[in-house]
Amino acid sequence: MKKTIYYIYETLKEFIKKGDVHILLDSISHFSRWIKTTRKDYPKTITDFVPWMNFNAISLLNKYLTKDMTVFEWGSGSSTLFLSQRVYKVISIEHNKEWYSKVNDMLSKYKVNNLTYKLIEPEYNGENAKN
């Protein structure tokens, strides 16, 4: 415990010395959201509408995205739901057939209709060929 407190103290000193207190405060503001995700009863599914990205990025997107935007997404999941609620249109490409099917079912369930969703599987040839 003593080492942890010392580490926190040293980290705080560095943030203050560099003038990056705003980064620290922003990170602290997301702590309670993050700690919830570590609980066993927290829903760890694509239907929780929380994209798989850090909370600072989510906050930035919440501030930046508007209903007149079109967004391109490479890789789909809960971020697809998240984006579809905030923009005019989402274009999403998925490479994994099984995941595409799961996400497609979820999108149908939630009646997401501002989306172009494509499965584009990798092509294997030459050095990248499957054995």
C-alpha atoms as a PDB file:
ATOM      1  CA  MET A   1       0.000   0.000   0.000  1.00  0.00           C
ATOM      2  CA  LYS A   2       2.871   2.335   0.835  1.00  0.00           C
ATOM      3  CA  LYS A   3       4.351   1.833  -2.667  1.00  0.00           C
ATOM      4  CA  THR A   4       0.982   2.559  -4.278  1.00  0.00           C
ATOM      5  CA  ILE A   5       0.580   5.826  -2.380  1.00  0.00           C
ATOM      6  CA  TYR A   6       4.140   6.821  -3.285  1.00  0.00           C
ATOM      7  CA  TYR A   7       3.470   6.022  -6.962  1.00  0.00           C
ATOM      8  CA  ILE A   8       0.296   8.125  -6.948  1.00  0.00           C
ATOM      9  CA  TYR A   9       2.164  10.987  -5.257  1.00  0.00           C
ATOM     10  CA  GLU A  10       4.987  10.873  -7.825  1.00  0.00           C
ATOM     11  CA  THR A  11       2.517  10.697 -10.708  1.00  0.00           C
ATOM     12  CA  LEU A  12       0.618  13.729  -9.396  1.00  0.00           C
ATOM     13  CA  LYS A  13       3.898  15.652  -9.059  1.00  0.00           C
ATOM     14  CA  GLU A  14       4.757  14.917 -12.708  1.00  0.00           C
ATOM     15  CA  PHE A  15       1.352  16.035 -13.981  1.00  0.00           C
ATOM     16  CA  ILE A  16       1.620  19.282 -12.015  1.00  0.00           C
ATOM     17  CA  LYS A  17       5.229  19.894 -13.072  1.00  0.00           C
ATOM     18  CA  LYS A  18       4.365  19.432 -16.764  1.00  0.00           C
ATOM     19  CA  GLY A  19       1.222  21.551 -16.527  1.00  0.00           C
ATOM     20  CA  ASP A  20      -0.969  18.606 -17.521  1.00  0.00           C
ATOM     21  CA  VAL A  21      -3.349  18.732 -14.579  1.00  0.00           C
ATOM     22  CA  HIS A  22      -6.318  18.913 -16.984  1.00  0.00           C
ATOM     23  CA  ILE A  23      -5.411  15.452 -18.362  1.00  0.00           C
ATOM     24  CA  LEU A  24      -5.278  14.041 -14.862  1.00  0.00           C
ATOM     25  CA  LEU A  25      -8.597  15.612 -13.878  1.00  0.00           C
ATOM     26  CA  ASP A  26     -10.241  14.361 -17.048  1.00  0.00           C
ATOM     27  CA  SER A  27      -8.996  10.837 -16.343  1.00  0.00           C
ATOM     28  CA  ILE A  28     -10.196  10.998 -12.744  1.00  0.00           C
ATOM     29  CA  SER A  29     -13.632  12.111 -13.937  1.00  0.00           C
ATOM     30  CA  HIS A  30     -13.967   8.756 -15.752  1.00  0.00           C
ATOM     31  CA  PHE A  31     -12.769   6.618 -12.850  1.00  0.00           C
ATOM     32  CA  SER A  32     -16.224   5.731 -11.531  1.00  0.00           C
ATOM     33  CA  ARG A  33     -17.338   4.656 -15.041  1.00  0.00           C
ATOM     34  CA  TRP A  34     -14.216   2.572 -15.482  1.00  0.00           C
ATOM     35  CA  ILE A  35     -14.457   0.863 -12.098  1.00  0.00           C
ATOM     36  CA  LYS A  36     -18.001  -0.288 -12.957  1.00  0.00           C
ATOM     37  CA  THR A  37     -16.627  -2.152 -15.968  1.00  0.00           C
ATOM     38  CA  THR A  38     -14.433  -4.274 -13.688  1.00  0.00           C
ATOM     39  CA  ARG A  39     -17.379  -5.708 -11.756  1.00  0.00           C
ATOM     40  CA  LYS A  40     -18.469  -9.251 -12.537  1.00  0.00           C
ATOM     41  CA  ASP A  41     -22.098  -8.192 -13.024  1.00  0.00           C
ATOM     42  CA  TYR A  42     -21.235  -5.481 -15.587  1.00  0.00           C
ATOM     43  CA  PRO A  43     -22.698  -6.372 -18.997  1.00  0.00           C
ATOM     44  CA  LYS A  44     -19.801  -7.255 -21.269  1.00  0.00           C
ATOM     45  CA  THR A  45     -21.753  -7.508 -24.471  1.00  0.00           C
ATOM     46  CA  ILE A  46     -22.016  -5.463 -27.601  1.00  0.00           C
ATOM     47  CA  THR A  47     -25.487  -4.374 -26.502  1.00  0.00           C
ATOM     48  CA  ASP A  48     -24.226  -2.150 -23.686  1.00  0.00           C
ATOM     49  CA  PHE A  49     -23.877   0.682 -26.276  1.00  0.00           C
ATOM     50  CA  VAL A  50     -20.403   1.543 -24.927  1.00  0.00           C
ATOM     51  CA  PRO A  51     -17.708   1.434 -27.616  1.00  0.00           C
ATOM     52  CA  TRP A  52     -14.542  -0.497 -26.927  1.00  0.00           C
ATOM     53  CA  MET A  53     -12.340   2.569 -26.497  1.00  0.00           C
ATOM     54  CA  ASN A  54     -11.097   4.650 -23.594  1.00  0.00           C
ATOM     55  CA  PHE A  55     -13.483   7.026 -21.846  1.00  0.00           C
ATOM     56  CA  ASN A  56     -11.596  10.144 -22.955  1.00  0.00           C
ATOM     57  CA  ALA A  57     -12.165   9.131 -26.580  1.00  0.00           C
ATOM     58  CA  ILE A  58     -15.851   8.488 -25.868  1.00  0.00           C
ATOM     59  CA  SER A  59     -16.166  11.940 -24.280  1.00  0.00           C
ATOM     60  CA  LEU A  60     -14.468  13.542 -27.270  1.00  0.00           C
ATOM     61  CA  LEU A  61     -16.814  11.765 -29.679  1.00  0.00           C
ATOM     62  CA  ASN A  62     -19.846  12.786 -27.622  1.00  0.00           C
ATOM     63  CA  LYS A  63     -18.770  16.420 -27.964  1.00  0.00           C
ATOM     64  CA  TYR A  64     -17.720  16.248 -31.615  1.00  0.00           C
ATOM     65  CA  LEU A  65     -20.265  14.064 -33.417  1.00  0.00           C
ATOM     66  CA  THR A  66     -23.392  15.659 -34.852  1.00  0.00           C
ATOM     67  CA  LYS A  67     -26.536  14.390 -36.582  1.00  0.00           C
ATOM     68  CA  ASP A  68     -25.401  15.741 -39.966  1.00  0.00           C
ATOM     69  CA  MET A  69     -22.203  13.654 -40.104  1.00  0.00           C
ATOM     70  CA  THR A  70     -21.399  10.465 -41.967  1.00  0.00           C
ATOM     71  CA  VAL A  71     -18.878   8.224 -40.195  1.00  0.00           C
ATOM     72  CA  PHE A  72     -16.706   5.432 -41.611  1.00  0.00           C
ATOM     73  CA  GLU A  73     -15.887   2.638 -39.186  1.00  0.00           C
ATOM     74  CA  TRP A  74     -13.403  -0.161 -39.812  1.00  0.00           C
ATOM     75  CA  GLY A  75     -14.474  -2.930 -37.445  1.00  0.00           C
ATOM     76  CA  SER A  76     -17.894  -3.146 -35.853  1.00  0.00           C
ATOM     77  CA  GLY A  77     -19.519  -3.819 -32.505  1.00  0.00           C
ATOM     78  CA  SER A  78     -20.954  -1.704 -29.738  1.00  0.00           C
ATOM     79  CA  SER A  79     -19.215   1.283 -31.335  1.00  0.00           C
ATOM     80  CA  THR A  80     -21.542   0.813 -34.326  1.00  0.00           C
ATOM     81  CA  LEU A  81     -24.571   1.230 -32.070  1.00  0.00           C
ATOM     82  CA  PHE A  82     -22.930   4.149 -30.285  1.00  0.00           C
ATOM     83  CA  LEU A  83     -22.137   5.959 -33.534  1.00  0.00           C
ATOM     84  CA  SER A  84     -25.516   5.249 -35.144  1.00  0.00           C
ATOM     85  CA  GLN A  85     -27.241   7.095 -32.306  1.00  0.00           C
ATOM     86  CA  ARG A  86     -25.134  10.220 -32.837  1.00  0.00           C
ATOM     87  CA  VAL A  87     -24.682  10.693 -36.581  1.00  0.00           C
ATOM     88  CA  TYR A  88     -26.711  10.810 -39.792  1.00  0.00           C
ATOM     89  CA  LYS A  89     -25.070   7.715 -41.314  1.00  0.00           C
ATOM     90  CA  VAL A  90     -22.507   5.050 -40.393  1.00  0.00           C
ATOM     91  CA  ILE A  91     -20.565   3.048 -42.967  1.00  0.00           C
ATOM     92  CA  SER A  92     -19.065   0.040 -41.237  1.00  0.00           C
ATOM     93  CA  ILE A  93     -16.797  -2.701 -42.603  1.00  0.00           C
ATOM     94  CA  GLU A  94     -16.269  -5.989 -40.757  1.00  0.00           C
ATOM     95  CA  HIS A  95     -13.823  -8.734 -41.766  1.00  0.00           C
ATOM     96  CA  ASN A  96     -14.887 -11.571 -39.443  1.00  0.00           C
ATOM     97  CA  LYS A  97     -17.904 -13.542 -40.683  1.00  0.00           C
ATOM     98  CA  GLU A  98     -19.046 -14.791 -37.247  1.00  0.00           C
ATOM     99  CA  TRP A  99     -18.725 -11.367 -35.633  1.00  0.00           C
ATOM    100  CA  TYR A 100     -20.466  -9.745 -38.591  1.00  0.00           C
ATOM    101  CA  SER A 101     -23.416 -12.088 -38.058  1.00  0.00           C
ATOM    102  CA  LYS A 102     -23.631 -11.315 -34.317  1.00  0.00           C
ATOM    103  CA  VAL A 103     -23.441  -7.581 -34.860  1.00  0.00           C
ATOM    104  CA  ASN A 104     -25.907  -7.743 -37.749  1.00  0.00           C
ATOM    105  CA  ASP A 105     -28.422  -9.533 -35.465  1.00  0.00           C
ATOM    106  CA  MET A 106     -27.933  -6.840 -32.826  1.00  0.00           C
ATOM    107  CA  LEU A 107     -28.402  -4.062 -35.375  1.00  0.00           C
ATOM    108  CA  SER A 108     -31.642  -5.664 -36.536  1.00  0.00           C
ATOM    109  CA  LYS A 109     -32.843  -6.092 -32.961  1.00  0.00           C
ATOM    110  CA  TYR A 110     -32.296  -2.383 -32.250  1.00  0.00           C
ATOM    111  CA  LYS A 111     -33.654  -1.354 -35.671  1.00  0.00           C
ATOM    112  CA  VAL A 112     -30.567   0.582 -36.726  1.00  0.00           C
ATOM    113  CA  ASN A 113     -31.426   1.934 -40.156  1.00  0.00           C
ATOM    114  CA  ASN A 114     -28.828   4.662 -40.752  1.00  0.00           C
ATOM    115  CA  LEU A 115     -26.116   2.165 -41.561  1.00  0.00           C
ATOM    116  CA  THR A 116     -24.358   0.621 -44.515  1.00  0.00           C
ATOM    117  CA  TYR A 117     -22.853  -2.577 -43.108  1.00  0.00           C
ATOM    118  CA  LYS A 118     -20.536  -4.733 -45.212  1.00  0.00           C
ATOM    119  CA  LEU A 119     -18.677  -7.967 -44.654  1.00  0.00           C
ATOM    120  CA  ILE A 120     -15.350  -7.910 -46.486  1.00  0.00           C
ATOM    121  CA  GLU A 121     -13.325 -10.977 -45.662  1.00  0.00           C
ATOM    122  CA  PRO A 122      -9.542 -10.955 -46.161  1.00  0.00           C
ATOM    123  CA  GLU A 123      -8.155 -12.357 -49.363  1.00  0.00           C
ATOM    124  CA  TYR A 124      -5.354 -14.833 -48.869  1.00  0.00           C
ATOM    125  CA  ASN A 125      -2.656 -15.141 -51.494  1.00  0.00           C
ATOM    126  CA  GLY A 126       1.085 -15.315 -51.692  1.00  0.00           C
ATOM    127  CA  GLU A 127       2.846 -14.837 -48.365  1.00  0.00           C
ATOM    128  CA  ASN A 128      -0.424 -14.205 -46.534  1.00  0.00           C
ATOM    129  CA  ALA A 129      -2.034 -17.452 -47.732  1.00  0.00           C
ATOM    130  CA  LYS A 130      -3.596 -19.770 -45.171  1.00  0.00           C
ATOM    131  CA  ASN A 131      -1.663 -23.014 -44.732  1.00  0.00           C
END
